[in-house]
């Protein structure tokens, strides 16, 4: 199965939330739109510990749909122990408390609706409560174990 999906390009997102000990986040390539009314998305995480566990327990989180300028940031949020949420990376905080990357193409502020355990993964269905648009830029996709930029879509 992994070999099959290595060949399937997927958009790249960084999902963030705030915990009592500070901001946490992870890179995801499983984000998809599910419904328009109510506006809902779906994504999956592969374990319930660390950043994934914090997102699963959060009352709200932000799904940042990122561009090619953020491929290094996506890499750092994909591995444990990497430097995250530094001033140089450009992070801010929304009035609602979640970490926000203002330079993201789009940020979706969400609240969880439902989770479903599937094998070693958890599928999250979330309501989109706010859409924050950033600058138009080249979308980032992940395919064949590497990040790639698509042509500018604007």
Foldseek 3Di string as FASTA:
>chain_A
DVVVCLAPKFFKKKKWFADPVGIAIAIFRAWDWDDVVQTKIKGKDQALDDRNVCVVPDQKMKIFRAAPVCQVVNVQRHDPPRDDDDVVQQWDADPVGIIDRQQGQKMFIWGWDDWDDDPRMIMTMTGGPDMDGHDFHFTWIRHNNGIDTDPGDD
